[in-house]
Amino acid sequence: MFEELLNGVEEMNTQLDNALRFHQTALNLRAQRQELIAANIANADTPNYKARDLDFGSTLSGALQGRVGRPIALTVSSERHLNATAAATQPYVLYRGEDQANVDGNTVNMDVERASFAENSVQYEASLSFINGLLKTMQQAVAGQ
């Protein structure tokens, strides 16, 4: 009986950890995307600046599978080489295409950037709401309500 209860608690902890890990990863990526969009807006008048954005779905999928945000191991050809890792990369950061040609080569479209900024903000807030609801539900379950 005690073992069944313990297994149930462990399974619930695993499900909670997985749900929180997903939302934490999504929040981190949303914050990175917000920084990219803010940089685009800040550089709207910079000649030859190329607008950048995240492919959010691919980046989230990669992060959940452990492919994003980990240091890259360097190849060594001798055992006397130092063990070192390179900084993690941002593999899914892409450049936005030009909607209309600019004389100065800048690809920032302020309408697109404002819409992306607002959409990303709403999705960030939604993730926070999901986490808050999940934690309230767990708190109620633990309290026995």
N, C-alpha and C. Protein backbone atom coordinates (compact mmCIF):
# COMPACT_ATOMS: atom_id res chain seq x y z
N MET A 1 0.83 -1.20 0.00
CA MET A 1 0.00 0.00 0.00
C MET A 1 0.87 1.26 0.00
N PHE A 2 1.88 1.26 0.89
CA PHE A 2 2.77 2.42 0.97
C PHE A 2 3.56 2.59 -0.32
N GLU A 3 3.99 1.48 -0.93
CA GLU A 3 4.75 1.54 -2.17
C GLU A 3 3.90 2.11 -3.31
N GLU A 4 2.61 1.75 -3.36
CA GLU A 4 1.72 2.28 -4.39
C GLU A 4 1.55 3.79 -4.24
N LEU A 5 1.40 4.22 -2.99
CA LEU A 5 1.28 5.64 -2.72
C LEU A 5 2.56 6.38 -3.12
N LEU A 6 3.70 5.80 -2.78
CA LEU A 6 4.99 6.40 -3.12
C LEU A 6 5.17 6.48 -4.64
N ASN A 7 4.78 5.42 -5.36
CA ASN A 7 4.87 5.43 -6.82
C ASN A 7 3.96 6.49 -7.42
N GLY A 8 2.79 6.67 -6.85
CA GLY A 8 1.86 7.69 -7.34
C GLY A 8 2.42 9.09 -7.14
N VAL A 9 3.05 9.32 -5.99
CA VAL A 9 3.65 10.63 -5.71
C VAL A 9 4.82 10.88 -6.67
N GLU A 10 5.65 9.86 -6.91
CA GLU A 10 6.78 10.01 -7.84
C GLU A 10 6.30 10.30 -9.25
N GLU A 11 5.23 9.63 -9.67
CA GLU A 11 4.69 9.86 -11.01
C GLU A 11 4.13 11.28 -11.13
N MET A 12 3.47 11.75 -10.08
CA MET A 12 2.92 13.10 -10.08
C MET A 12 4.06 14.12 -10.12
N ASN A 13 5.14 13.87 -9.38
CA ASN A 13 6.30 14.77 -9.40
C ASN A 13 6.92 14.82 -10.79
N THR A 14 7.00 13.68 -11.46
CA THR A 14 7.57 13.62 -12.80
C THR A 14 6.71 14.42 -13.77
N GLN A 15 5.40 14.26 -13.68
CA GLN A 15 4.50 15.01 -14.56
C GLN A 15 4.60 16.51 -14.30
N LEU A 16 4.68 16.89 -13.04
CA LEU A 16 4.82 18.31 -12.69
C LEU A 16 6.14 18.86 -13.20
N ASP A 17 7.22 18.10 -13.01
CA ASP A 17 8.53 18.53 -13.51
C ASP A 17 8.52 18.71 -15.01
N ASN A 18 7.92 17.77 -15.73
CA ASN A 18 7.86 17.86 -17.19
C ASN A 18 7.06 19.08 -17.64
N ALA A 19 5.93 19.32 -16.99
CA ALA A 19 5.10 20.47 -17.36
C ALA A 19 5.83 21.77 -17.06
N LEU A 20 6.46 21.87 -15.91
CA LEU A 20 7.18 23.08 -15.56
C LEU A 20 8.40 23.27 -16.46
N ARG A 21 9.09 22.20 -16.81
CA ARG A 21 10.25 22.29 -17.70
C ARG A 21 9.83 22.83 -19.07
N PHE A 22 8.71 22.34 -19.58
CA PHE A 22 8.22 22.81 -20.87
C PHE A 22 7.95 24.31 -20.82
N HIS A 23 7.21 24.75 -19.81
CA HIS A 23 6.84 26.16 -19.72
C HIS A 23 8.06 27.04 -19.41
N GLN A 24 9.00 26.54 -18.61
CA GLN A 24 10.21 27.30 -18.34
C GLN A 24 11.02 27.49 -19.62
N THR A 25 11.13 26.43 -20.41
CA THR A 25 11.84 26.52 -21.68
C THR A 25 11.14 27.48 -22.62
N ALA A 26 9.82 27.39 -22.69
CA ALA A 26 9.06 28.29 -23.55
C ALA A 26 9.23 29.75 -23.10
N LEU A 27 9.21 30.00 -21.79
CA LEU A 27 9.40 31.36 -21.29
C LEU A 27 10.78 31.89 -21.66
N ASN A 28 11.80 31.07 -21.49
CA ASN A 28 13.15 31.50 -21.83
C ASN A 28 13.26 31.85 -23.31
N LEU A 29 12.66 31.03 -24.15
CA LEU A 29 12.71 31.29 -25.59
C LEU A 29 11.89 32.53 -25.95
N ARG A 30 10.77 32.72 -25.30
CA ARG A 30 9.97 33.93 -25.54
C ARG A 30 10.77 35.18 -25.15
N ALA A 31 11.51 35.09 -24.04
CA ALA A 31 12.34 36.23 -23.62
C ALA A 31 13.44 36.49 -24.65
N GLN A 32 14.06 35.44 -25.17
CA GLN A 32 15.09 35.62 -26.20
C GLN A 32 14.49 36.23 -27.46
N ARG A 33 13.30 35.77 -27.83
CA ARG A 33 12.64 36.31 -29.02
C ARG A 33 12.31 37.79 -28.81
N GLN A 34 11.86 38.13 -27.61
CA GLN A 34 11.53 39.52 -27.32
C GLN A 34 12.77 40.40 -27.46
N GLU A 35 13.94 39.89 -27.03
CA GLU A 35 15.18 40.64 -27.17
C GLU A 35 15.54 40.85 -28.63
N LEU A 36 15.35 39.83 -29.46
CA LEU A 36 15.63 39.95 -30.89
C LEU A 36 14.73 40.99 -31.55
N ILE A 37 13.44 40.93 -31.21
CA ILE A 37 12.49 41.87 -31.80
C ILE A 37 12.80 43.30 -31.33
N ALA A 38 13.14 43.44 -30.04
CA ALA A 38 13.51 44.77 -29.52
C ALA A 38 14.76 45.30 -30.22
N ALA A 39 15.72 44.42 -30.51
CA ALA A 39 16.92 44.83 -31.24
C ALA A 39 16.56 45.27 -32.65
N ASN A 40 15.62 44.57 -33.27
CA ASN A 40 15.17 44.97 -34.60
C ASN A 40 14.57 46.38 -34.57
N ILE A 41 13.72 46.62 -33.58
CA ILE A 41 13.08 47.94 -33.46
C ILE A 41 14.13 49.02 -33.20
N ALA A 42 15.08 48.70 -32.32
CA ALA A 42 16.12 49.69 -32.00
C ALA A 42 17.00 50.01 -33.21
N ASN A 43 17.13 49.07 -34.13
CA ASN A 43 17.98 49.26 -35.30
C ASN A 43 17.20 49.56 -36.56
N ALA A 44 16.00 50.07 -36.42
CA ALA A 44 15.15 50.34 -37.58
C ALA A 44 15.77 51.36 -38.53
N ASP A 45 16.62 52.23 -38.05
CA ASP A 45 17.24 53.24 -38.89
C ASP A 45 18.72 52.95 -39.17
N THR A 46 19.21 51.79 -38.79
CA THR A 46 20.60 51.44 -39.01
C THR A 46 20.78 50.91 -40.43
N PRO A 47 21.65 51.55 -41.21
CA PRO A 47 21.86 51.07 -42.59
C PRO A 47 22.38 49.63 -42.62
N ASN A 48 21.86 48.84 -43.54
CA ASN A 48 22.26 47.44 -43.78
C ASN A 48 21.95 46.50 -42.61
N TYR A 49 21.16 46.93 -41.64
CA TYR A 49 20.77 46.03 -40.54
C TYR A 49 19.75 45.04 -41.08
N LYS A 50 19.95 43.77 -40.74
CA LYS A 50 19.04 42.70 -41.17
C LYS A 50 18.21 42.25 -39.98
N ALA A 51 16.90 42.35 -40.09
CA ALA A 51 15.98 41.96 -39.02
C ALA A 51 16.11 40.47 -38.75
N ARG A 52 16.11 40.11 -37.46
CA ARG A 52 16.24 38.71 -37.06
C ARG A 52 15.05 38.28 -36.21
N ASP A 53 14.80 36.98 -36.20
CA ASP A 53 13.72 36.42 -35.40
C ASP A 53 14.03 34.95 -35.14
N LEU A 54 13.33 34.37 -34.18
CA LEU A 54 13.45 32.95 -33.89
C LEU A 54 12.40 32.16 -34.65
N ASP A 55 12.77 30.98 -35.10
CA ASP A 55 11.77 30.01 -35.53
C ASP A 55 11.37 29.32 -34.23
N PHE A 56 10.32 29.86 -33.59
CA PHE A 56 9.99 29.45 -32.22
C PHE A 56 9.72 27.96 -32.11
N GLY A 57 8.95 27.39 -33.04
CA GLY A 57 8.61 25.97 -32.96
C GLY A 57 9.83 25.07 -33.04
N SER A 58 10.71 25.33 -33.98
CA SER A 58 11.92 24.53 -34.12
C SER A 58 12.86 24.70 -32.94
N THR A 59 12.96 25.93 -32.46
CA THR A 59 13.84 26.20 -31.32
C THR A 59 13.31 25.53 -30.06
N LEU A 60 12.02 25.60 -29.83
CA LEU A 60 11.42 24.95 -28.66
C LEU A 60 11.60 23.45 -28.74
N SER A 61 11.34 22.87 -29.90
CA SER A 61 11.52 21.44 -30.09
C SER A 61 12.96 21.02 -29.81
N GLY A 62 13.91 21.79 -30.35
CA GLY A 62 15.32 21.50 -30.12
C GLY A 62 15.71 21.63 -28.67
N ALA A 63 15.20 22.65 -28.00
CA ALA A 63 15.52 22.85 -26.59
C ALA A 63 14.98 21.73 -25.73
N LEU A 64 13.78 21.26 -26.03
CA LEU A 64 13.18 20.18 -25.25
C LEU A 64 13.91 18.86 -25.46
N GLN A 65 14.54 18.73 -26.62
CA GLN A 65 15.32 17.52 -26.90
C GLN A 65 16.77 17.68 -26.49
N GLY A 66 17.10 18.83 -25.90
CA GLY A 66 18.44 19.05 -25.39
C GLY A 66 19.45 19.50 -26.41
N ARG A 67 19.00 19.99 -27.56
CA ARG A 67 19.94 20.40 -28.61
C ARG A 67 20.28 21.87 -28.57
N VAL A 68 19.56 22.67 -27.81
CA VAL A 68 19.78 24.11 -27.78
C VAL A 68 20.21 24.49 -26.37
N GLY A 69 21.19 25.37 -26.28
CA GLY A 69 21.61 25.88 -24.99
C GLY A 69 22.68 25.06 -24.30
N ARG A 70 23.11 23.98 -24.88
CA ARG A 70 24.19 23.21 -24.30
C ARG A 70 25.51 23.62 -24.93
N PRO A 71 26.59 23.55 -24.14
CA PRO A 71 27.88 23.89 -24.72
C PRO A 71 28.27 22.88 -25.79
N ILE A 72 29.02 23.34 -26.76
CA ILE A 72 29.47 22.47 -27.84
C ILE A 72 30.86 21.97 -27.50
N ALA A 73 31.04 20.66 -27.45
CA ALA A 73 32.35 20.08 -27.14
C ALA A 73 33.28 20.27 -28.33
N LEU A 74 34.51 20.67 -28.03
CA LEU A 74 35.50 20.86 -29.07
C LEU A 74 36.20 19.53 -29.36
N THR A 75 36.55 19.32 -30.60
CA THR A 75 37.25 18.10 -31.00
C THR A 75 38.73 18.26 -30.67
N VAL A 76 39.28 17.23 -30.09
CA VAL A 76 40.71 17.24 -29.79
C VAL A 76 41.38 16.11 -30.54
N SER A 77 42.62 16.33 -30.96
CA SER A 77 43.35 15.30 -31.70
C SER A 77 44.45 14.68 -30.87
N SER A 78 44.61 15.17 -29.65
CA SER A 78 45.63 14.63 -28.76
C SER A 78 45.10 14.64 -27.34
N GLU A 79 45.50 13.68 -26.56
CA GLU A 79 45.04 13.64 -25.17
C GLU A 79 45.70 14.73 -24.33
N ARG A 80 46.71 15.40 -24.85
CA ARG A 80 47.35 16.50 -24.13
C ARG A 80 46.61 17.82 -24.32
N HIS A 81 45.64 17.85 -25.23
CA HIS A 81 44.84 19.06 -25.42
C HIS A 81 43.97 19.31 -24.20
N LEU A 82 43.72 20.57 -23.94
CA LEU A 82 42.85 20.93 -22.82
C LEU A 82 41.41 20.58 -23.15
N ASN A 83 40.69 20.11 -22.15
CA ASN A 83 39.25 19.91 -22.32
C ASN A 83 38.59 21.27 -22.27
N ALA A 84 37.85 21.57 -23.29
CA ALA A 84 37.20 22.88 -23.35
C ALA A 84 35.89 22.74 -24.08
N THR A 85 35.01 23.64 -23.80
CA THR A 85 33.74 23.69 -24.51
C THR A 85 33.56 25.09 -25.05
N ALA A 86 32.94 25.17 -26.19
CA ALA A 86 32.63 26.47 -26.78
C ALA A 86 31.29 26.93 -26.23
N ALA A 87 31.01 28.19 -26.38
CA ALA A 87 29.72 28.72 -25.94
C ALA A 87 28.60 28.12 -26.76
N ALA A 88 27.45 27.98 -26.14
CA ALA A 88 26.29 27.45 -26.84
C ALA A 88 25.87 28.44 -27.93
N THR A 89 25.31 27.91 -28.99
CA THR A 89 24.91 28.75 -30.11
C THR A 89 23.40 28.94 -30.12
N GLN A 90 22.94 29.83 -30.96
CA GLN A 90 21.53 30.06 -31.18
C GLN A 90 21.21 29.53 -32.58
N PRO A 91 21.01 28.23 -32.74
CA PRO A 91 20.94 27.67 -34.09
C PRO A 91 19.71 28.04 -34.90
N TYR A 92 18.65 28.50 -34.28
CA TYR A 92 17.43 28.75 -35.03
C TYR A 92 17.11 30.23 -35.19
N VAL A 93 18.11 31.08 -34.97
CA VAL A 93 17.90 32.51 -35.22
C VAL A 93 18.01 32.73 -36.72
N LEU A 94 16.98 33.32 -37.28
CA LEU A 94 16.92 33.51 -38.73
C LEU A 94 16.82 34.98 -39.07
N TYR A 95 17.13 35.30 -40.31
CA TYR A 95 16.94 36.66 -40.81
C TYR A 95 15.60 36.74 -41.50
N ARG A 96 14.90 37.84 -41.27
CA ARG A 96 13.62 38.06 -41.93
C ARG A 96 13.87 38.52 -43.36
N GLY A 97 13.01 38.10 -44.24
CA GLY A 97 13.11 38.55 -45.62
C GLY A 97 12.62 39.98 -45.77
N GLU A 98 12.98 40.59 -46.88
CA GLU A 98 12.55 41.96 -47.15
C GLU A 98 11.12 41.98 -47.67
N ASP A 99 10.27 42.81 -47.07
CA ASP A 99 8.92 43.01 -47.57
C ASP A 99 8.93 44.05 -48.68
N GLN A 100 9.74 45.04 -48.47
CA GLN A 100 9.89 46.09 -49.48
C GLN A 100 11.34 46.55 -49.46
N ALA A 101 11.85 46.92 -50.60
CA ALA A 101 13.25 47.31 -50.72
C ALA A 101 13.49 48.66 -50.06
N ASN A 102 14.56 48.75 -49.30
CA ASN A 102 14.99 50.01 -48.69
C ASN A 102 16.29 50.42 -49.35
N VAL A 103 16.47 51.71 -49.54
CA VAL A 103 17.68 52.22 -50.16
C VAL A 103 18.91 51.91 -49.31
N ASP A 104 18.75 51.95 -47.97
CA ASP A 104 19.89 51.74 -47.08
C ASP A 104 20.15 50.27 -46.76
N GLY A 105 19.37 49.34 -47.31
CA GLY A 105 19.60 47.91 -47.08
C GLY A 105 19.03 47.37 -45.79
N ASN A 106 18.33 48.18 -45.01
CA ASN A 106 17.73 47.75 -43.75
C ASN A 106 16.45 46.96 -44.05
N THR A 107 16.28 45.82 -43.37
CA THR A 107 15.10 44.97 -43.63
C THR A 107 14.05 45.04 -42.53
N VAL A 108 14.18 45.98 -41.59
CA VAL A 108 13.22 46.10 -40.50
C VAL A 108 11.94 46.74 -41.02
N ASN A 109 10.82 46.05 -40.80
CA ASN A 109 9.50 46.59 -41.11
C ASN A 109 8.81 46.83 -39.78
N MET A 110 8.63 48.08 -39.41
CA MET A 110 8.12 48.41 -38.08
C MET A 110 6.74 47.83 -37.81
N ASP A 111 5.90 47.72 -38.81
CA ASP A 111 4.58 47.13 -38.59
C ASP A 111 4.71 45.66 -38.20
N VAL A 112 5.56 44.94 -38.89
CA VAL A 112 5.80 43.53 -38.58
C VAL A 112 6.42 43.38 -37.19
N GLU A 113 7.37 44.25 -36.87
CA GLU A 113 8.05 44.17 -35.57
C GLU A 113 7.09 44.47 -34.42
N ARG A 114 6.26 45.48 -34.58
CA ARG A 114 5.29 45.80 -33.52
C ARG A 114 4.30 44.66 -33.31
N ALA A 115 3.82 44.09 -34.41
CA ALA A 115 2.87 42.97 -34.30
C ALA A 115 3.54 41.76 -33.65
N SER A 116 4.77 41.47 -34.04
CA SER A 116 5.50 40.34 -33.45
C SER A 116 5.77 40.58 -31.97
N PHE A 117 6.12 41.80 -31.62
CA PHE A 117 6.40 42.15 -30.23
C PHE A 117 5.15 41.94 -29.38
N ALA A 118 4.02 42.43 -29.86
CA ALA A 118 2.75 42.30 -29.12
C ALA A 118 2.33 40.84 -29.00
N GLU A 119 2.42 40.10 -30.10
CA GLU A 119 2.04 38.69 -30.08
C GLU A 119 2.92 37.90 -29.11
N ASN A 120 4.22 38.14 -29.16
CA ASN A 120 5.14 37.43 -28.27
C ASN A 120 4.87 37.78 -26.80
N SER A 121 4.53 39.03 -26.53
CA SER A 121 4.21 39.45 -25.16
C SER A 121 2.97 38.72 -24.63
N VAL A 122 1.96 38.61 -25.47
CA VAL A 122 0.73 37.91 -25.08
C VAL A 122 1.03 36.43 -24.81
N GLN A 123 1.83 35.81 -25.65
CA GLN A 123 2.17 34.41 -25.46
C GLN A 123 3.04 34.21 -24.22
N TYR A 124 3.90 35.15 -23.92
CA TYR A 124 4.70 35.10 -22.70
C TYR A 124 3.79 35.14 -21.48
N GLU A 125 2.85 36.07 -21.48
CA GLU A 125 1.89 36.17 -20.38
C GLU A 125 1.04 34.90 -20.25
N ALA A 126 0.68 34.29 -21.38
CA ALA A 126 -0.10 33.05 -21.34
C ALA A 126 0.70 31.93 -20.68
N SER A 127 1.98 31.84 -20.99
CA SER A 127 2.82 30.82 -20.35
C SER A 127 2.90 31.05 -18.85
N LEU A 128 3.02 32.31 -18.44
CA LEU A 128 3.03 32.61 -17.01
C LEU A 128 1.72 32.20 -16.35
N SER A 129 0.61 32.43 -17.03
CA SER A 129 -0.71 32.04 -16.50
C SER A 129 -0.83 30.53 -16.37
N PHE A 130 -0.32 29.79 -17.37
CA PHE A 130 -0.35 28.33 -17.29
C PHE A 130 0.46 27.83 -16.09
N ILE A 131 1.64 28.40 -15.89
CA ILE A 131 2.48 27.98 -14.76
C ILE A 131 1.78 28.30 -13.46
N ASN A 132 1.22 29.49 -13.36
CA ASN A 132 0.52 29.89 -12.15
C ASN A 132 -0.65 28.95 -11.86
N GLY A 133 -1.44 28.62 -12.88
CA GLY A 133 -2.56 27.71 -12.70
C GLY A 133 -2.11 26.32 -12.29
N LEU A 134 -1.03 25.85 -12.90
CA LEU A 134 -0.49 24.53 -12.56
C LEU A 134 -0.04 24.48 -11.11
N LEU A 135 0.65 25.52 -10.67
CA LEU A 135 1.13 25.55 -9.29
C LEU A 135 -0.03 25.68 -8.30
N LYS A 136 -1.06 26.46 -8.64
CA LYS A 136 -2.23 26.57 -7.76
C LYS A 136 -2.94 25.23 -7.64
N THR A 137 -3.06 24.52 -8.77
CA THR A 137 -3.70 23.21 -8.74
C THR A 137 -2.92 22.25 -7.86
N MET A 138 -1.60 22.26 -7.98
CA MET A 138 -0.77 21.37 -7.15
C MET A 138 -0.87 21.76 -5.66
N GLN A 139 -0.91 23.05 -5.40
CA GLN A 139 -1.03 23.49 -4.02
C GLN A 139 -2.36 23.04 -3.41
N GLN A 140 -3.43 23.13 -4.20
CA GLN A 140 -4.74 22.68 -3.72
C GLN A 140 -4.74 21.15 -3.51
N ALA A 141 -4.07 20.43 -4.40
CA ALA A 141 -4.02 18.97 -4.27
C ALA A 141 -3.26 18.57 -3.01
N VAL A 142 -2.18 19.27 -2.73
CA VAL A 142 -1.38 18.96 -1.53
C VAL A 142 -2.15 19.34 -0.27
N ALA A 143 -2.87 20.45 -0.33
CA ALA A 143 -3.64 20.91 0.83
C ALA A 143 -4.90 20.07 1.04
N GLY A 144 -5.26 19.27 0.04
CA GLY A 144 -6.43 18.41 0.17
C GLY A 144 -7.74 19.10 -0.04
N GLN A 145 -7.76 20.14 -0.83
CA GLN A 145 -9.00 20.89 -1.08
C GLN A 145 -9.69 20.36 -2.29
